[in-house]
Every structure is written in C-alpha cells, then in structure tokens.
Amino acid sequence: MLNFLSLGFLYLYFPEDKTEYIPVVLEFIIVFILCVLLFRWFKKKSARDAAKAKEIEERVLQARKEEMEKKVPSE
C-alpha cells in the first residue's frame, strides 16, 4: 500500500527555473478571486431569495388569517 502511494511522488516535476511558476501563480490568483466573488454572489442571492420567501410566506399567512376571520363570524 505504501509503495502505491509513493509512486505518485516519482512523477512530480519541480523546475530548476522558478520563473515557470509565475503563470501558475497568476492563474491561481485569478481562479481564487473568481471563487471569492462567486461565493459572495451566492450569499447575496440566497439572502435576497430568503427575504422574498419570507415576504410570500407572510402574505399567505395573512390571507389565511383573513379567510379564517371571514368564516368564523358567518357560522
């Protein structure tokens, strides 16, 4: 089992010229920033959707309450 895990490290490439890391770092930074922006957008959208759902729920409950009040006096 340990031999299987250690085989993956045999094929790692560590360049002598460290400038080869620059494109990778730039790509990582761009992807990280996009992930943060997407997370914030999801969070804001979720909050807006929750507020809409709460508003709809309040309207439905108010309509039910009014409907029940109309039925009770007529009986």
N, C-alpha and C. Protein backbone atom coordinates (compact mmCIF):
# COMPACT_ATOMS: atom_id res chain seq x y z
N MET A 1 0.83 -1.19 0.00
CA MET A 1 0.00 0.00 0.00
C MET A 1 0.87 1.26 0.00
N LEU A 2 1.89 1.28 0.82
CA LEU A 2 2.76 2.46 0.87
C LEU A 2 3.51 2.65 -0.43
N ASN A 3 3.87 1.55 -1.10
CA ASN A 3 4.56 1.67 -2.38
C ASN A 3 3.66 2.34 -3.41
N PHE A 4 2.38 2.00 -3.38
CA PHE A 4 1.43 2.60 -4.32
C PHE A 4 1.34 4.12 -4.09
N LEU A 5 1.29 4.55 -2.85
CA LEU A 5 1.18 5.97 -2.54
C LEU A 5 2.45 6.73 -2.90
N SER A 6 3.59 6.13 -2.74
CA SER A 6 4.85 6.82 -3.01
C SER A 6 5.15 6.92 -4.50
N LEU A 7 4.49 6.13 -5.33
CA LEU A 7 4.74 6.20 -6.77
C LEU A 7 4.31 7.54 -7.36
N GLY A 8 3.29 8.15 -6.79
CA GLY A 8 2.83 9.44 -7.29
C GLY A 8 3.89 10.52 -7.17
N PHE A 9 4.73 10.44 -6.18
CA PHE A 9 5.75 11.45 -5.97
C PHE A 9 6.92 11.31 -6.94
N LEU A 10 7.05 10.17 -7.58
CA LEU A 10 8.14 9.97 -8.53
C LEU A 10 7.95 10.82 -9.78
N TYR A 11 6.70 11.16 -10.10
CA TYR A 11 6.42 11.86 -11.35
C TYR A 11 6.19 13.35 -11.15
N LEU A 12 6.44 13.87 -9.97
CA LEU A 12 6.30 15.30 -9.76
C LEU A 12 7.43 16.04 -10.46
N TYR A 13 7.09 17.21 -10.98
CA TYR A 13 8.06 18.00 -11.71
C TYR A 13 8.32 19.29 -10.95
N PHE A 14 9.53 19.49 -10.52
CA PHE A 14 9.94 20.71 -9.86
C PHE A 14 10.99 21.37 -10.73
N PRO A 15 10.63 22.44 -11.43
CA PRO A 15 11.57 23.04 -12.38
C PRO A 15 12.72 23.74 -11.67
N GLU A 16 13.85 23.74 -12.34
CA GLU A 16 15.02 24.45 -11.83
C GLU A 16 14.81 25.95 -11.96
N ASP A 17 14.23 26.35 -13.10
CA ASP A 17 13.95 27.75 -13.34
C ASP A 17 12.62 28.10 -12.67
N LYS A 18 12.68 28.86 -11.60
CA LYS A 18 11.49 29.16 -10.80
C LYS A 18 10.54 30.13 -11.49
N THR A 19 10.96 30.75 -12.60
CA THR A 19 10.05 31.63 -13.32
C THR A 19 8.91 30.85 -13.99
N GLU A 20 9.03 29.55 -14.08
CA GLU A 20 7.96 28.73 -14.63
C GLU A 20 6.75 28.68 -13.69
N TYR A 21 6.94 29.10 -12.47
CA TYR A 21 5.83 29.12 -11.51
C TYR A 21 4.93 30.35 -11.69
N ILE A 22 5.42 31.38 -12.37
CA ILE A 22 4.68 32.63 -12.49
C ILE A 22 3.31 32.44 -13.14
N PRO A 23 3.19 31.77 -14.29
CA PRO A 23 1.85 31.58 -14.88
C PRO A 23 0.91 30.79 -13.95
N VAL A 24 1.45 29.84 -13.24
CA VAL A 24 0.63 29.03 -12.34
C VAL A 24 0.11 29.88 -11.19
N VAL A 25 0.96 30.71 -10.64
CA VAL A 25 0.56 31.57 -9.53
C VAL A 25 -0.48 32.58 -10.01
N LEU A 26 -0.28 33.17 -11.18
CA LEU A 26 -1.26 34.12 -11.71
C LEU A 26 -2.61 33.44 -11.94
N GLU A 27 -2.57 32.25 -12.50
CA GLU A 27 -3.82 31.51 -12.73
C GLU A 27 -4.50 31.19 -11.40
N PHE A 28 -3.73 30.80 -10.41
CA PHE A 28 -4.30 30.50 -9.09
C PHE A 28 -4.96 31.74 -8.49
N ILE A 29 -4.29 32.89 -8.59
CA ILE A 29 -4.84 34.13 -8.04
C ILE A 29 -6.16 34.49 -8.73
N ILE A 30 -6.18 34.38 -10.06
CA ILE A 30 -7.39 34.69 -10.81
C ILE A 30 -8.53 33.76 -10.42
N VAL A 31 -8.26 32.47 -10.36
CA VAL A 31 -9.29 31.50 -10.00
C VAL A 31 -9.76 31.73 -8.57
N PHE A 32 -8.84 32.04 -7.67
CA PHE A 32 -9.21 32.29 -6.28
C PHE A 32 -10.12 33.51 -6.17
N ILE A 33 -9.78 34.58 -6.88
CA ILE A 33 -10.60 35.79 -6.85
C ILE A 33 -11.99 35.50 -7.42
N LEU A 34 -12.04 34.74 -8.52
CA LEU A 34 -13.34 34.37 -9.10
C LEU A 34 -14.16 33.54 -8.12
N CYS A 35 -13.52 32.64 -7.41
CA CYS A 35 -14.23 31.82 -6.42
C CYS A 35 -14.79 32.69 -5.28
N VAL A 36 -14.01 33.63 -4.82
CA VAL A 36 -14.48 34.52 -3.75
C VAL A 36 -15.66 35.35 -4.23
N LEU A 37 -15.57 35.90 -5.44
CA LEU A 37 -16.67 36.70 -5.98
C LEU A 37 -17.92 35.86 -6.17
N LEU A 38 -17.76 34.66 -6.67
CA LEU A 38 -18.90 33.77 -6.86
C LEU A 38 -19.54 33.39 -5.54
N PHE A 39 -18.73 33.14 -4.53
CA PHE A 39 -19.25 32.82 -3.19
C PHE A 39 -20.05 33.99 -2.64
N ARG A 40 -19.53 35.19 -2.77
CA ARG A 40 -20.23 36.38 -2.26
C ARG A 40 -21.55 36.59 -3.01
N TRP A 41 -21.54 36.34 -4.35
CA TRP A 41 -22.75 36.47 -5.13
C TRP A 41 -23.80 35.46 -4.68
N PHE A 42 -23.38 34.20 -4.47
CA PHE A 42 -24.31 33.18 -3.97
C PHE A 42 -24.90 33.58 -2.62
N LYS A 43 -24.07 34.12 -1.77
CA LYS A 43 -24.52 34.51 -0.44
C LYS A 43 -25.56 35.64 -0.52
N LYS A 44 -25.29 36.65 -1.34
CA LYS A 44 -26.23 37.76 -1.51
C LYS A 44 -27.53 37.28 -2.15
N LYS A 45 -27.42 36.45 -3.17
CA LYS A 45 -28.61 35.93 -3.85
C LYS A 45 -29.44 35.10 -2.89
N SER A 46 -28.80 34.31 -2.07
CA SER A 46 -29.50 33.50 -1.10
C SER A 46 -30.25 34.37 -0.10
N ALA A 47 -29.62 35.44 0.35
CA ALA A 47 -30.27 36.34 1.29
C ALA A 47 -31.48 37.02 0.65
N ARG A 48 -31.35 37.43 -0.62
CA ARG A 48 -32.49 38.04 -1.31
C ARG A 48 -33.63 37.05 -1.49
N ASP A 49 -33.28 35.81 -1.86
CA ASP A 49 -34.31 34.78 -2.03
C ASP A 49 -34.99 34.46 -0.71
N ALA A 50 -34.25 34.45 0.37
CA ALA A 50 -34.84 34.19 1.68
C ALA A 50 -35.79 35.32 2.07
N ALA A 51 -35.42 36.55 1.76
CA ALA A 51 -36.30 37.68 2.07
C ALA A 51 -37.59 37.60 1.24
N LYS A 52 -37.47 37.23 -0.04
CA LYS A 52 -38.65 37.07 -0.88
C LYS A 52 -39.55 35.96 -0.35
N ALA A 53 -38.95 34.85 0.04
CA ALA A 53 -39.73 33.72 0.56
C ALA A 53 -40.45 34.12 1.85
N LYS A 54 -39.78 34.87 2.69
CA LYS A 54 -40.41 35.31 3.94
C LYS A 54 -41.57 36.25 3.65
N GLU A 55 -41.41 37.13 2.69
CA GLU A 55 -42.48 38.05 2.32
C GLU A 55 -43.69 37.28 1.78
N ILE A 56 -43.44 36.31 0.92
CA ILE A 56 -44.53 35.49 0.37
C ILE A 56 -45.22 34.71 1.48
N GLU A 57 -44.42 34.15 2.38
CA GLU A 57 -44.99 33.40 3.50
C GLU A 57 -45.88 34.29 4.36
N GLU A 58 -45.44 35.50 4.63
CA GLU A 58 -46.25 36.43 5.43
C GLU A 58 -47.55 36.79 4.72
N ARG A 59 -47.48 36.98 3.40
CA ARG A 59 -48.71 37.30 2.66
C ARG A 59 -49.69 36.12 2.69
N VAL A 60 -49.17 34.91 2.54
CA VAL A 60 -50.03 33.73 2.56
C VAL A 60 -50.66 33.56 3.94
N LEU A 61 -49.86 33.72 4.98
CA LEU A 61 -50.40 33.59 6.33
C LEU A 61 -51.44 34.67 6.62
N GLN A 62 -51.19 35.88 6.15
CA GLN A 62 -52.15 36.97 6.35
C GLN A 62 -53.45 36.66 5.60
N ALA A 63 -53.35 36.15 4.38
CA ALA A 63 -54.55 35.81 3.60
C ALA A 63 -55.33 34.70 4.29
N ARG A 64 -54.63 33.69 4.82
CA ARG A 64 -55.30 32.61 5.55
C ARG A 64 -56.00 33.14 6.79
N LYS A 65 -55.33 34.03 7.49
CA LYS A 65 -55.90 34.60 8.70
C LYS A 65 -57.18 35.38 8.37
N GLU A 66 -57.12 36.19 7.31
CA GLU A 66 -58.30 36.94 6.89
C GLU A 66 -59.43 36.01 6.46
N GLU A 67 -59.06 34.95 5.76
CA GLU A 67 -60.06 33.97 5.31
C GLU A 67 -60.72 33.28 6.50
N MET A 68 -59.92 32.93 7.50
CA MET A 68 -60.47 32.28 8.69
C MET A 68 -61.37 33.24 9.47
N GLU A 69 -61.02 34.51 9.52
CA GLU A 69 -61.83 35.51 10.21
C GLU A 69 -63.17 35.71 9.51
N LYS A 70 -63.17 35.60 8.19
CA LYS A 70 -64.42 35.74 7.44
C LYS A 70 -65.33 34.55 7.69
N LYS A 71 -64.76 33.36 7.83
CA LYS A 71 -65.55 32.14 8.02
C LYS A 71 -66.13 32.06 9.42
N VAL A 72 -65.39 32.45 10.41
CA VAL A 72 -65.83 32.31 11.81
C VAL A 72 -67.09 33.10 12.11
N PRO A 73 -67.23 34.37 11.77
CA PRO A 73 -68.45 35.12 12.09
C PRO A 73 -69.68 34.60 11.36
N SER A 74 -69.52 34.04 10.17
CA SER A 74 -70.67 33.59 9.39
C SER A 74 -71.27 32.30 9.95
N GLU A 75 -70.59 31.57 10.77
CA GLU A 75 -71.11 30.31 11.30
C GLU A 75 -72.01 30.48 12.44
